[in-house]
Amino acid sequence: MTTIDRIRRLIAILAAGAGALLALGAASPALAATTRVPVYGPPAGLAPGQVPAQVHTVIVAGMPGWQIALIALAAALAAATVAVVLDRARAARRAASATTA
């Protein structure tokens, strides 16, 4: 294994780690938003038998699910395209080096 191959492998490992950290950083706000606080009884200030008013949450900002799915699909297609192009380039390089050796 040459020095270039070791450097290339190290760069690939670092890029994979950076991508994993980026994905974790992008997902952490969504993970924090889904936590629920347990309620152990009726809110303070209600008389016995009085029912608390129902609260409807209004979403002011955010991204619709179809946009998230579209972004994920585009990222998957881009990754697949890059993988195919790199695989073909690698195969062509191996074929060229096999004929010259």
Protein backbone atom coordinates (compact mmCIF):
# COMPACT_ATOMS: atom_id res chain seq x y z
CA MET A 1 0.00 0.00 0.00
CA THR A 2 1.50 3.29 -1.04
CA THR A 3 1.48 6.52 0.88
CA ILE A 4 -1.07 8.00 -1.53
CA ASP A 5 -3.48 5.14 -0.84
CA ARG A 6 -3.12 5.61 2.90
CA ILE A 7 -3.77 9.33 2.60
CA ARG A 8 -6.79 8.69 0.37
CA ARG A 9 -8.19 6.17 2.87
CA LEU A 10 -7.62 8.59 5.76
CA ILE A 11 -9.41 11.37 3.86
CA ALA A 12 -12.33 9.04 3.16
CA ILE A 13 -12.59 8.09 6.83
CA LEU A 14 -12.46 11.74 7.90
CA ALA A 15 -15.11 12.68 5.32
CA ALA A 16 -17.40 9.90 6.55
CA GLY A 17 -16.96 11.07 10.14
CA ALA A 18 -17.66 14.67 9.18
CA GLY A 19 -20.80 13.59 7.34
CA ALA A 20 -21.98 11.61 10.36
CA LEU A 21 -21.41 14.60 12.65
CA LEU A 22 -23.24 16.87 10.22
CA ALA A 23 -26.21 14.50 10.08
CA LEU A 24 -26.28 14.26 13.87
CA GLY A 25 -26.16 18.05 14.16
CA ALA A 26 -28.98 18.43 11.66
CA ALA A 27 -31.13 15.84 13.42
CA SER A 28 -30.61 17.03 16.99
CA PRO A 29 -33.12 19.94 16.88
CA ALA A 30 -35.76 17.51 15.61
CA LEU A 31 -34.90 15.05 18.36
CA ALA A 32 -35.17 17.76 21.01
CA ALA A 33 -38.53 18.90 19.67
CA THR A 34 -40.09 15.46 20.00
CA THR A 35 -39.46 15.01 23.72
CA ARG A 36 -42.57 15.14 25.89
CA VAL A 37 -42.76 16.40 29.42
CA PRO A 38 -44.84 14.12 31.65
CA VAL A 39 -47.84 15.67 33.38
CA TYR A 40 -48.54 14.29 36.85
CA GLY A 41 -51.87 15.91 37.57
CA PRO A 42 -54.20 18.75 36.68
CA PRO A 43 -52.73 22.21 36.35
CA ALA A 44 -52.74 24.41 39.45
CA GLY A 45 -55.69 26.70 39.96
CA LEU A 46 -58.48 24.36 38.78
CA ALA A 47 -61.42 23.60 41.01
CA PRO A 48 -62.27 19.92 41.58
CA GLY A 49 -64.25 18.64 38.62
CA GLN A 50 -63.27 21.57 36.40
CA VAL A 51 -61.86 20.49 33.02
CA PRO A 52 -58.81 22.34 31.69
CA ALA A 53 -59.16 24.07 28.33
CA GLN A 54 -57.74 22.19 25.38
CA VAL A 55 -54.70 23.87 23.83
CA HIS A 56 -54.21 23.74 20.07
CA THR A 57 -50.65 24.24 18.92
CA VAL A 58 -50.19 26.52 15.94
CA ILE A 59 -47.11 25.81 13.86
CA VAL A 60 -45.62 29.10 12.77
CA ALA A 61 -42.46 27.91 11.07
CA GLY A 62 -41.01 24.67 9.88
CA MET A 63 -40.64 22.53 6.82
CA PRO A 64 -43.46 20.38 5.40
CA GLY A 65 -42.90 16.65 5.18
CA TRP A 66 -42.97 16.56 1.38
CA GLN A 67 -40.05 19.00 1.24
CA ILE A 68 -38.03 16.86 3.65
CA ALA A 69 -38.78 13.77 1.54
CA LEU A 70 -37.79 15.63 -1.63
CA ILE A 71 -34.48 16.73 -0.12
CA ALA A 72 -33.75 13.18 1.07
CA LEU A 73 -34.54 11.81 -2.39
CA ALA A 74 -32.29 14.36 -4.09
CA ALA A 75 -29.45 13.59 -1.66
CA ALA A 76 -29.82 9.84 -2.28
CA LEU A 77 -29.78 10.34 -6.05
CA ALA A 78 -26.73 12.60 -5.83
CA ALA A 79 -24.88 10.08 -3.66
CA ALA A 80 -25.76 7.23 -6.02
CA THR A 81 -24.60 9.25 -9.03
CA VAL A 82 -21.29 10.11 -7.39
CA ALA A 83 -20.79 6.46 -6.38
CA VAL A 84 -21.41 5.22 -9.93
CA VAL A 85 -19.12 7.83 -11.48
CA LEU A 86 -16.31 7.05 -9.03
CA ASP A 87 -16.74 3.29 -9.53
CA ARG A 88 -16.53 3.64 -13.30
CA ALA A 89 -13.49 5.91 -13.04
CA ARG A 90 -11.81 3.41 -10.74
CA ALA A 91 -12.61 0.51 -13.07
CA ALA A 92 -11.26 2.45 -16.06
CA ARG A 93 -8.09 3.27 -14.15
CA ARG A 94 -7.60 -0.39 -13.20
CA ALA A 95 -8.17 -1.49 -16.79
CA ALA A 96 -5.67 1.07 -18.04
CA SER A 97 -3.05 0.06 -15.48
CA ALA A 98 -3.58 -3.66 -16.22
CA THR A 99 -2.88 -3.18 -19.94
CA THR A 100 0.26 -1.09 -19.35
CA ALA A 101 1.83 -3.41 -16.77
